[in-house]
Amino acid sequence: MSINVPPSKLTTSDALERLVDEKKHIEKALERTKKSLPPIETYLGFLKIEPLDSTKLSEALKSYDRAARELDDSIAKSEKELTETNKKISDEKERLGPAVDANLNLKASIGIVADSDFEDEIKIALIYGVYLSCPSVTFYY
């Protein structure tokens, strides 16, 4: 009996690896940006209202609003990039096809040799299973 395992299909590619790296960078940038917003909000709590005149208060609030808006825009941009990158990863994985389980793709050949002087009848029982009744399976008897 001989068993041959077909060569495995590709489960990754250079493009997929680049996309996964890009996704990690986007996720880290998004995390950093989200961590930047609370300190800016906390800053407003440290402003002393009594010695601060109204023009400086207005400038401080505008500065806070500008910084918060930039962070919000950065978060929105990163989330959009992340969604697009996830879609590209999904497309690339689909292009590569499903991963092949070597245990489901075993091929076996069985040879039976009988002596020419042997005159009795031989019975052979062959039991096999086919995963999802794959149409590419060929049986030779």
N, C-alpha and C. Protein backbone atom coordinates (compact mmCIF):
# COMPACT_ATOMS: atom_id res chain seq x y z
N MET A 1 0.85 -1.17 0.00
CA MET A 1 0.00 0.00 0.00
C MET A 1 0.89 1.23 0.00
N SER A 2 0.58 2.17 -0.84
CA SER A 2 1.33 3.42 -0.84
C SER A 2 0.35 4.57 -0.66
N ILE A 3 0.81 5.54 0.04
CA ILE A 3 -0.04 6.71 0.29
C ILE A 3 0.70 7.94 -0.20
N ASN A 4 0.05 8.72 -1.02
CA ASN A 4 0.62 9.96 -1.54
C ASN A 4 -0.22 11.13 -1.08
N VAL A 5 0.44 12.12 -0.55
CA VAL A 5 -0.25 13.34 -0.14
C VAL A 5 -0.02 14.38 -1.22
N PRO A 6 -1.09 14.93 -1.80
CA PRO A 6 -0.89 15.93 -2.84
C PRO A 6 -0.25 17.18 -2.27
N PRO A 7 0.42 17.96 -3.10
CA PRO A 7 1.02 19.20 -2.58
C PRO A 7 -0.07 20.11 -2.03
N SER A 8 0.23 20.74 -0.92
CA SER A 8 -0.78 21.59 -0.29
C SER A 8 -0.97 22.87 -1.08
N LYS A 9 -2.19 23.39 -1.01
CA LYS A 9 -2.48 24.67 -1.66
C LYS A 9 -1.85 25.78 -0.84
N LEU A 10 -1.62 26.90 -1.49
CA LEU A 10 -1.09 28.06 -0.78
C LEU A 10 -2.12 28.56 0.23
N THR A 11 -1.66 28.86 1.42
CA THR A 11 -2.55 29.42 2.42
C THR A 11 -2.21 30.88 2.69
N THR A 12 -1.13 31.35 2.07
CA THR A 12 -0.74 32.74 2.24
C THR A 12 -0.05 33.22 0.98
N SER A 13 0.15 34.50 0.91
CA SER A 13 0.86 35.10 -0.23
C SER A 13 1.56 36.35 0.27
N ASP A 14 2.45 36.89 -0.55
CA ASP A 14 3.12 38.14 -0.18
C ASP A 14 2.10 39.25 0.02
N ALA A 15 1.11 39.28 -0.85
CA ALA A 15 0.07 40.32 -0.75
C ALA A 15 -0.70 40.17 0.57
N LEU A 16 -1.04 38.94 0.94
CA LEU A 16 -1.78 38.72 2.18
C LEU A 16 -0.94 39.11 3.39
N GLU A 17 0.33 38.76 3.37
CA GLU A 17 1.21 39.12 4.49
C GLU A 17 1.35 40.64 4.62
N ARG A 18 1.47 41.33 3.49
CA ARG A 18 1.53 42.80 3.52
C ARG A 18 0.25 43.39 4.09
N LEU A 19 -0.89 42.83 3.67
CA LEU A 19 -2.18 43.33 4.17
C LEU A 19 -2.34 43.09 5.67
N VAL A 20 -1.90 41.95 6.15
CA VAL A 20 -1.99 41.65 7.58
C VAL A 20 -1.09 42.60 8.37
N ASP A 21 0.12 42.87 7.85
CA ASP A 21 1.01 43.84 8.50
C ASP A 21 0.37 45.23 8.51
N GLU A 22 -0.22 45.62 7.38
CA GLU A 22 -0.88 46.92 7.29
C GLU A 22 -2.02 47.01 8.31
N LYS A 23 -2.76 45.93 8.44
CA LYS A 23 -3.87 45.90 9.41
C LYS A 23 -3.35 46.11 10.83
N LYS A 24 -2.25 45.47 11.17
CA LYS A 24 -1.67 45.62 12.51
C LYS A 24 -1.26 47.07 12.76
N HIS A 25 -0.64 47.70 11.74
CA HIS A 25 -0.23 49.11 11.89
C HIS A 25 -1.44 50.02 12.08
N ILE A 26 -2.48 49.78 11.33
CA ILE A 26 -3.69 50.60 11.44
C ILE A 26 -4.32 50.42 12.82
N GLU A 27 -4.39 49.17 13.29
CA GLU A 27 -4.97 48.91 14.60
C GLU A 27 -4.18 49.61 15.71
N LYS A 28 -2.85 49.58 15.61
CA LYS A 28 -2.02 50.25 16.61
C LYS A 28 -2.20 51.76 16.56
N ALA A 29 -2.27 52.32 15.35
CA ALA A 29 -2.48 53.77 15.21
C ALA A 29 -3.84 54.17 15.76
N LEU A 30 -4.83 53.36 15.51
CA LEU A 30 -6.18 53.62 16.02
C LEU A 30 -6.19 53.58 17.55
N GLU A 31 -5.51 52.60 18.11
CA GLU A 31 -5.43 52.48 19.56
C GLU A 31 -4.73 53.70 20.18
N ARG A 32 -3.62 54.13 19.56
CA ARG A 32 -2.90 55.31 20.06
C ARG A 32 -3.78 56.55 20.00
N THR A 33 -4.48 56.71 18.90
CA THR A 33 -5.33 57.89 18.72
C THR A 33 -6.45 57.90 19.75
N LYS A 34 -7.06 56.75 19.99
CA LYS A 34 -8.15 56.68 20.98
C LYS A 34 -7.63 56.99 22.39
N LYS A 35 -6.38 56.62 22.66
CA LYS A 35 -5.79 56.91 23.97
C LYS A 35 -5.45 58.39 24.12
N SER A 36 -5.33 59.11 23.01
CA SER A 36 -4.97 60.53 23.05
C SER A 36 -6.14 61.43 23.44
N LEU A 37 -7.35 61.00 23.20
CA LEU A 37 -8.51 61.85 23.46
C LEU A 37 -8.77 62.10 24.95
N PRO A 38 -8.74 61.10 25.83
CA PRO A 38 -9.00 61.37 27.26
C PRO A 38 -8.07 62.39 27.90
N PRO A 39 -6.75 62.38 27.61
CA PRO A 39 -5.91 63.41 28.22
C PRO A 39 -6.30 64.84 27.80
N ILE A 40 -6.74 65.00 26.57
CA ILE A 40 -7.18 66.32 26.12
C ILE A 40 -8.43 66.75 26.88
N GLU A 41 -9.34 65.81 27.09
CA GLU A 41 -10.55 66.12 27.85
C GLU A 41 -10.22 66.42 29.32
N THR A 42 -9.26 65.70 29.86
CA THR A 42 -8.83 65.92 31.24
C THR A 42 -8.21 67.30 31.40
N TYR A 43 -7.52 67.76 30.37
CA TYR A 43 -6.87 69.07 30.40
C TYR A 43 -7.88 70.17 30.73
N LEU A 44 -9.06 70.09 30.17
CA LEU A 44 -10.08 71.11 30.44
C LEU A 44 -10.41 71.19 31.93
N GLY A 45 -10.37 70.07 32.61
CA GLY A 45 -10.67 70.04 34.04
C GLY A 45 -9.61 70.73 34.88
N PHE A 46 -8.40 70.87 34.35
CA PHE A 46 -7.32 71.50 35.10
C PHE A 46 -7.27 73.02 34.91
N LEU A 47 -8.06 73.53 34.01
CA LEU A 47 -8.07 74.98 33.81
C LEU A 47 -8.69 75.65 35.03
N LYS A 48 -8.04 76.68 35.50
CA LYS A 48 -8.58 77.45 36.63
C LYS A 48 -9.42 78.58 36.05
N ILE A 49 -10.65 78.58 36.39
CA ILE A 49 -11.58 79.54 35.80
C ILE A 49 -11.41 80.94 36.38
N GLU A 50 -11.13 81.05 37.65
CA GLU A 50 -11.09 82.36 38.30
C GLU A 50 -10.08 83.32 37.68
N PRO A 51 -8.77 82.96 37.55
CA PRO A 51 -7.84 83.93 37.01
C PRO A 51 -7.84 84.00 35.47
N LEU A 52 -8.64 83.18 34.82
CA LEU A 52 -8.65 83.09 33.37
C LEU A 52 -9.67 84.06 32.79
N ASP A 53 -9.21 84.98 31.93
CA ASP A 53 -10.18 85.90 31.33
C ASP A 53 -10.93 85.19 30.20
N SER A 54 -12.00 85.78 29.76
CA SER A 54 -12.89 85.13 28.80
C SER A 54 -12.23 84.88 27.45
N THR A 55 -11.32 85.74 27.02
CA THR A 55 -10.65 85.52 25.74
C THR A 55 -9.74 84.31 25.79
N LYS A 56 -9.05 84.15 26.92
CA LYS A 56 -8.16 82.98 27.05
C LYS A 56 -8.98 81.70 27.20
N LEU A 57 -10.13 81.80 27.86
CA LEU A 57 -11.02 80.64 27.98
C LEU A 57 -11.52 80.23 26.60
N SER A 58 -11.90 81.22 25.82
CA SER A 58 -12.37 80.96 24.47
C SER A 58 -11.27 80.30 23.63
N GLU A 59 -10.05 80.80 23.76
CA GLU A 59 -8.92 80.21 23.03
C GLU A 59 -8.67 78.77 23.48
N ALA A 60 -8.76 78.53 24.78
CA ALA A 60 -8.54 77.19 25.31
C ALA A 60 -9.61 76.22 24.79
N LEU A 61 -10.86 76.67 24.77
CA LEU A 61 -11.94 75.82 24.28
C LEU A 61 -11.81 75.56 22.78
N LYS A 62 -11.41 76.57 22.02
CA LYS A 62 -11.20 76.39 20.58
C LYS A 62 -10.04 75.42 20.33
N SER A 63 -9.00 75.56 21.12
CA SER A 63 -7.85 74.67 21.00
C SER A 63 -8.26 73.22 21.30
N TYR A 64 -9.05 73.05 22.37
CA TYR A 64 -9.56 71.71 22.72
C TYR A 64 -10.41 71.17 21.57
N ASP A 65 -11.32 72.00 21.05
CA ASP A 65 -12.21 71.57 19.99
C ASP A 65 -11.42 71.17 18.74
N ARG A 66 -10.42 71.95 18.39
CA ARG A 66 -9.59 71.67 17.23
C ARG A 66 -8.84 70.34 17.41
N ALA A 67 -8.24 70.16 18.59
CA ALA A 67 -7.49 68.92 18.85
C ALA A 67 -8.42 67.70 18.86
N ALA A 68 -9.58 67.84 19.50
CA ALA A 68 -10.54 66.74 19.55
C ALA A 68 -11.05 66.40 18.15
N ARG A 69 -11.30 67.42 17.34
CA ARG A 69 -11.79 67.19 15.98
C ARG A 69 -10.71 66.46 15.16
N GLU A 70 -9.46 66.87 15.31
CA GLU A 70 -8.38 66.19 14.58
C GLU A 70 -8.30 64.72 14.99
N LEU A 71 -8.43 64.46 16.28
CA LEU A 71 -8.39 63.08 16.75
C LEU A 71 -9.60 62.30 16.23
N ASP A 72 -10.78 62.91 16.25
CA ASP A 72 -11.98 62.25 15.72
C ASP A 72 -11.80 61.92 14.23
N ASP A 73 -11.25 62.88 13.48
CA ASP A 73 -11.01 62.64 12.06
C ASP A 73 -10.01 61.51 11.85
N SER A 74 -8.98 61.50 12.68
CA SER A 74 -7.96 60.45 12.59
C SER A 74 -8.56 59.08 12.91
N ILE A 75 -9.42 59.04 13.92
CA ILE A 75 -10.09 57.78 14.29
C ILE A 75 -10.97 57.31 13.14
N ALA A 76 -11.76 58.22 12.58
CA ALA A 76 -12.66 57.86 11.47
C ALA A 76 -11.85 57.35 10.27
N LYS A 77 -10.74 58.03 9.97
CA LYS A 77 -9.89 57.63 8.85
C LYS A 77 -9.30 56.24 9.10
N SER A 78 -8.80 56.01 10.32
CA SER A 78 -8.21 54.71 10.64
C SER A 78 -9.26 53.60 10.60
N GLU A 79 -10.46 53.88 11.09
CA GLU A 79 -11.52 52.87 11.05
C GLU A 79 -11.90 52.54 9.62
N LYS A 80 -11.94 53.54 8.75
CA LYS A 80 -12.24 53.31 7.33
C LYS A 80 -11.13 52.48 6.69
N GLU A 81 -9.88 52.83 6.97
CA GLU A 81 -8.74 52.07 6.44
C GLU A 81 -8.78 50.62 6.93
N LEU A 82 -9.14 50.45 8.20
CA LEU A 82 -9.21 49.11 8.77
C LEU A 82 -10.29 48.28 8.07
N THR A 83 -11.45 48.89 7.82
CA THR A 83 -12.53 48.19 7.11
C THR A 83 -12.08 47.80 5.71
N GLU A 84 -11.45 48.73 5.00
CA GLU A 84 -10.96 48.45 3.65
C GLU A 84 -9.90 47.36 3.65
N THR A 85 -9.00 47.41 4.62
CA THR A 85 -7.94 46.40 4.70
C THR A 85 -8.52 45.03 5.03
N ASN A 86 -9.51 44.98 5.93
CA ASN A 86 -10.16 43.70 6.24
C ASN A 86 -10.83 43.12 4.99
N LYS A 87 -11.43 43.98 4.18
CA LYS A 87 -12.07 43.53 2.94
C LYS A 87 -11.01 42.98 1.98
N LYS A 88 -9.88 43.68 1.86
CA LYS A 88 -8.80 43.23 0.98
C LYS A 88 -8.24 41.88 1.46
N ILE A 89 -8.11 41.73 2.79
CA ILE A 89 -7.63 40.46 3.35
C ILE A 89 -8.61 39.34 3.01
N SER A 90 -9.88 39.62 3.19
CA SER A 90 -10.92 38.63 2.87
C SER A 90 -10.87 38.24 1.40
N ASP A 91 -10.74 39.24 0.52
CA ASP A 91 -10.65 38.98 -0.92
C ASP A 91 -9.43 38.13 -1.27
N GLU A 92 -8.29 38.45 -0.65
CA GLU A 92 -7.06 37.71 -0.92
C GLU A 92 -7.18 36.27 -0.43
N LYS A 93 -7.78 36.08 0.75
CA LYS A 93 -7.97 34.72 1.26
C LYS A 93 -8.90 33.92 0.35
N GLU A 94 -9.93 34.59 -0.16
CA GLU A 94 -10.85 33.93 -1.09
C GLU A 94 -10.13 33.56 -2.38
N ARG A 95 -9.27 34.46 -2.85
CA ARG A 95 -8.50 34.20 -4.07
C ARG A 95 -7.59 32.98 -3.89
N LEU A 96 -7.01 32.86 -2.70
CA LEU A 96 -6.12 31.73 -2.43
C LEU A 96 -6.89 30.42 -2.31
N GLY A 97 -8.16 30.51 -1.98
CA GLY A 97 -8.97 29.31 -1.82
C GLY A 97 -8.89 28.78 -0.41
N PRO A 98 -9.75 27.83 -0.11
CA PRO A 98 -9.75 27.28 1.24
C PRO A 98 -8.47 26.50 1.53
N ALA A 99 -8.09 26.51 2.77
CA ALA A 99 -6.91 25.74 3.19
C ALA A 99 -7.21 24.26 2.99
N VAL A 100 -6.21 23.52 2.58
CA VAL A 100 -6.39 22.10 2.32
C VAL A 100 -5.90 21.31 3.52
N ASP A 101 -6.75 20.44 4.01
CA ASP A 101 -6.38 19.54 5.10
C ASP A 101 -5.78 18.29 4.46
N ALA A 102 -4.50 18.06 4.70
CA ALA A 102 -3.80 16.93 4.08
C ALA A 102 -4.47 15.60 4.41
N ASN A 103 -5.09 15.49 5.58
CA ASN A 103 -5.74 14.24 5.96
C ASN A 103 -6.98 13.95 5.12
N LEU A 104 -7.56 14.98 4.51
CA LEU A 104 -8.73 14.77 3.67
C LEU A 104 -8.36 14.51 2.22
N ASN A 105 -7.10 14.60 1.89
CA ASN A 105 -6.67 14.45 0.50
C ASN A 105 -5.65 13.33 0.32
N LEU A 106 -5.77 12.31 1.12
CA LEU A 106 -4.86 11.18 0.98
C LEU A 106 -5.26 10.34 -0.21
N LYS A 107 -4.28 9.83 -0.91
CA LYS A 107 -4.53 8.91 -2.01
C LYS A 107 -3.88 7.59 -1.65
N ALA A 108 -4.58 6.52 -1.90
CA ALA A 108 -4.04 5.21 -1.57
C ALA A 108 -4.16 4.29 -2.77
N SER A 109 -3.16 3.48 -2.94
CA SER A 109 -3.19 2.44 -3.98
C SER A 109 -2.95 1.12 -3.30
N ILE A 110 -3.76 0.14 -3.64
CA ILE A 110 -3.61 -1.19 -3.05
C ILE A 110 -3.44 -2.19 -4.19
N GLY A 111 -2.38 -2.95 -4.11
CA GLY A 111 -2.15 -3.98 -5.14
C GLY A 111 -2.26 -5.36 -4.50
N ILE A 112 -2.92 -6.27 -5.19
CA ILE A 112 -3.09 -7.63 -4.68
C ILE A 112 -2.47 -8.58 -5.70
N VAL A 113 -1.61 -9.41 -5.20
CA VAL A 113 -0.93 -10.37 -6.07
C VAL A 113 -1.31 -11.77 -5.61
N ALA A 114 -1.70 -12.61 -6.56
CA ALA A 114 -2.06 -14.00 -6.22
C ALA A 114 -1.21 -14.93 -7.09
N ASP A 115 -0.87 -16.05 -6.52
CA ASP A 115 -0.09 -17.05 -7.24
C ASP A 115 -0.95 -17.64 -8.36
N SER A 116 -0.37 -17.86 -9.50
CA SER A 116 -1.13 -18.38 -10.65
C SER A 116 -1.64 -19.80 -10.40
N ASP A 117 -1.05 -20.51 -9.45
CA ASP A 117 -1.50 -21.86 -9.13
C ASP A 117 -2.72 -21.84 -8.21
N PHE A 118 -3.06 -20.68 -7.71
CA PHE A 118 -4.17 -20.55 -6.77
C PHE A 118 -5.47 -20.55 -7.55
N GLU A 119 -6.36 -21.52 -7.27
CA GLU A 119 -7.58 -21.67 -8.05
C GLU A 119 -8.83 -21.32 -7.28
N ASP A 120 -8.71 -21.01 -6.01
CA ASP A 120 -9.91 -20.67 -5.23
C ASP A 120 -10.34 -19.24 -5.52
N GLU A 121 -11.58 -18.97 -5.14
CA GLU A 121 -12.14 -17.64 -5.33
C GLU A 121 -11.66 -16.72 -4.21
N ILE A 122 -11.35 -15.48 -4.56
CA ILE A 122 -10.91 -14.50 -3.57
C ILE A 122 -11.99 -13.42 -3.48
N LYS A 123 -12.38 -13.10 -2.26
CA LYS A 123 -13.34 -12.02 -2.04
C LYS A 123 -12.62 -10.88 -1.31
N ILE A 124 -12.84 -9.69 -1.81
CA ILE A 124 -12.23 -8.51 -1.21
C ILE A 124 -13.34 -7.52 -0.88
N ALA A 125 -13.34 -7.06 0.34
CA ALA A 125 -14.30 -6.02 0.75
C ALA A 125 -13.54 -4.71 0.88
N LEU A 126 -14.00 -3.72 0.15
CA LEU A 126 -13.36 -2.42 0.18
C LEU A 126 -14.35 -1.41 0.75
N ILE A 127 -13.94 -0.78 1.82
CA ILE A 127 -14.80 0.22 2.46
C ILE A 127 -14.06 1.56 2.37
N TYR A 128 -14.76 2.56 1.87
CA TYR A 128 -14.13 3.87 1.73
C TYR A 128 -15.17 4.96 1.94
N GLY A 129 -14.67 6.10 2.25
CA GLY A 129 -15.55 7.26 2.40
C GLY A 129 -15.00 8.40 1.56
N VAL A 130 -15.91 9.22 1.05
CA VAL A 130 -15.51 10.34 0.22
C VAL A 130 -16.07 11.61 0.86
N TYR A 131 -15.20 12.53 1.13
CA TYR A 131 -15.58 13.80 1.75
C TYR A 131 -16.42 14.62 0.78
N LEU A 132 -17.63 14.91 1.12
CA LEU A 132 -18.55 15.73 0.34
C LEU A 132 -18.76 15.21 -1.09
N SER A 133 -18.54 13.94 -1.30
CA SER A 133 -18.70 13.34 -2.63
C SER A 133 -18.09 14.23 -3.72
N CYS A 134 -16.86 14.53 -3.52
CA CYS A 134 -16.12 15.42 -4.43
C CYS A 134 -16.17 14.87 -5.86
N PRO A 135 -16.58 15.68 -6.86
CA PRO A 135 -16.70 15.20 -8.24
C PRO A 135 -15.35 14.88 -8.88
N SER A 136 -14.26 15.34 -8.29
CA SER A 136 -12.95 15.08 -8.89
C SER A 136 -12.37 13.72 -8.47
N VAL A 137 -13.12 12.97 -7.66
CA VAL A 137 -12.64 11.67 -7.20
C VAL A 137 -12.89 10.64 -8.30
N THR A 138 -11.87 9.84 -8.60
CA THR A 138 -12.00 8.80 -9.62
C THR A 138 -11.65 7.46 -8.97
N PHE A 139 -12.49 6.47 -9.23
CA PHE A 139 -12.27 5.15 -8.68
C PHE A 139 -11.93 4.18 -9.81
N TYR A 140 -10.91 3.36 -9.59
CA TYR A 140 -10.53 2.34 -10.55
C TYR A 140 -10.64 0.99 -9.86
N TYR A 141 -11.37 0.06 -10.50
CA TYR A 141 -11.54 -1.28 -9.90
C TYR A 141 -10.96 -2.30 -10.84
